[in-house]
Structure formats: structure tokens, C-alpha cells
Amino acid sequence: EGQSVRRRIDQLMRTVGAKFPVYVMVTKMDLVHGMVEFSNLLPGTAV
């Protein structure tokens, strides 16, 4: 499905003649074992 989305975004950028950033948001990372502890080690500006 990701490749399909990418093709559609590429087509849109070609159609409008502009490039724009695409951000991927990953949720529920607090459920990954060790992620909370890892994020606590990062400086506040990195989170």
C-alpha cells in the first residue's frame, strides 16, 4: 500500500508542478518494549 500512496503523491506533485515534503507519523510507540526508557534518554528538544 505504501508504494501505491507514493505513486499517487508523485503524480500529484507532477500535476501541480511543485514538490512538497511528506511526513510519516508513527503512533503507539509507547507500546514498543523499551521505547519509553529510550525516549527518556533523549534531550527534550529531540522529542
Protein backbone atom coordinates (compact mmCIF):
# COMPACT_ATOMS: atom_id res chain seq x y z
CA GLU A 1 0.00 0.00 0.00
CA GLY A 2 2.91 2.35 0.68
CA GLN A 3 4.11 2.15 -2.92
CA SER A 4 0.62 3.00 -4.14
CA VAL A 5 0.48 6.06 -1.91
CA ARG A 6 3.95 7.10 -3.10
CA ARG A 7 2.89 6.85 -6.77
CA ARG A 8 -0.19 8.96 -6.10
CA ILE A 9 1.85 11.63 -4.30
CA ASP A 10 4.40 11.67 -7.14
CA GLN A 11 1.58 12.05 -9.66
CA LEU A 12 0.11 14.93 -7.66
CA MET A 13 3.48 16.71 -7.50
CA ARG A 14 3.94 16.33 -11.26
CA THR A 15 0.41 17.57 -11.92
CA VAL A 16 0.75 20.73 -9.82
CA GLY A 17 4.40 21.23 -10.75
CA ALA A 18 5.55 21.53 -7.17
CA LYS A 19 7.40 19.47 -4.61
CA PHE A 20 6.37 19.28 -1.02
CA PRO A 21 7.53 17.25 1.98
CA VAL A 22 5.71 14.13 3.07
CA TYR A 23 5.89 13.22 6.73
CA VAL A 24 5.18 9.80 8.19
CA MET A 25 3.66 9.72 11.65
CA VAL A 26 4.17 6.59 13.72
CA THR A 27 1.83 6.22 16.69
CA LYS A 28 1.66 3.92 19.69
CA MET A 29 5.46 3.80 20.01
CA ASP A 30 4.99 3.81 23.77
CA LEU A 31 3.82 0.20 23.37
CA VAL A 32 7.18 -0.91 21.94
CA HIS A 33 9.28 -2.57 24.66
CA GLY A 34 11.95 -0.17 25.90
CA MET A 35 10.78 2.85 23.89
CA VAL A 36 9.68 4.89 26.89
CA GLU A 37 13.04 4.37 28.57
CA PHE A 38 14.84 5.22 25.32
CA SER A 39 12.85 8.40 24.81
CA ASN A 40 13.63 9.47 28.37
CA LEU A 41 17.34 9.42 27.43
CA LEU A 42 16.82 11.90 24.58
CA PRO A 43 17.18 15.65 25.16
CA GLY A 44 13.87 17.49 25.35
CA THR A 45 14.48 19.21 22.01
CA ALA A 46 14.77 15.84 20.24
CA VAL A 47 11.34 14.56 21.24
